[in-house]
């Protein structure tokens, strides 16, 4: 776990040491619970940008978006319920439910479940302004193990729509950078995996 503080920003990041459990894993993006008074449009902007960032992430495998899941025609009602319940639970508590994640691993054939949300927290007693949080996590689908979690916080001095969007965009970019680092194999492990592929093992 890393705790980083810079100026008015604070980040808490957890990821497992074994990046091979993340690297090139197939990802299903979960819906996240919108929390007022963040603003629905801002919430969706952040989730969409993170979803698009995951799709561009070379260190990740194929990414199934929320729209991809909605368009699946052969998914059982059990899996659709698991998708909704797991996303809500992870958004609100940060605690994965292994039974629900296993259903998604089995029926959608994915390795990882990813979810993130942004929350604006007005504070009438804070001396330095309000706060915006971006919280996201990646869970191993088959086991429900939390593999990556980032809790990024930044003070908001200008709480109008433009100011909130600027802070949210900064947090989103920081989150995607943290994701990229978590998914990246360390040099010696990457070399070992490359040698294994060449040997056909």
Foldseek 3Di string as FASTA:
>chain_A
DDWDDDDQKIKDKDADPPLVLFFQWEEEEADADDDPPLDPVLFVVLSVVLLVLQCVQPRYHHYQYPVNVVPDDPADPLLVVLRNVQRHCCRPPVQGDLVSLLSCCVRVVTQKYKYKTKDWAADPPDPQTTKIWIWMWMAGRNGRHTGIIMIMMGHQPDPDPVSSNVVSVVVSVVVSVSVSVSNDDPPVVVVVVVVCVVVVD
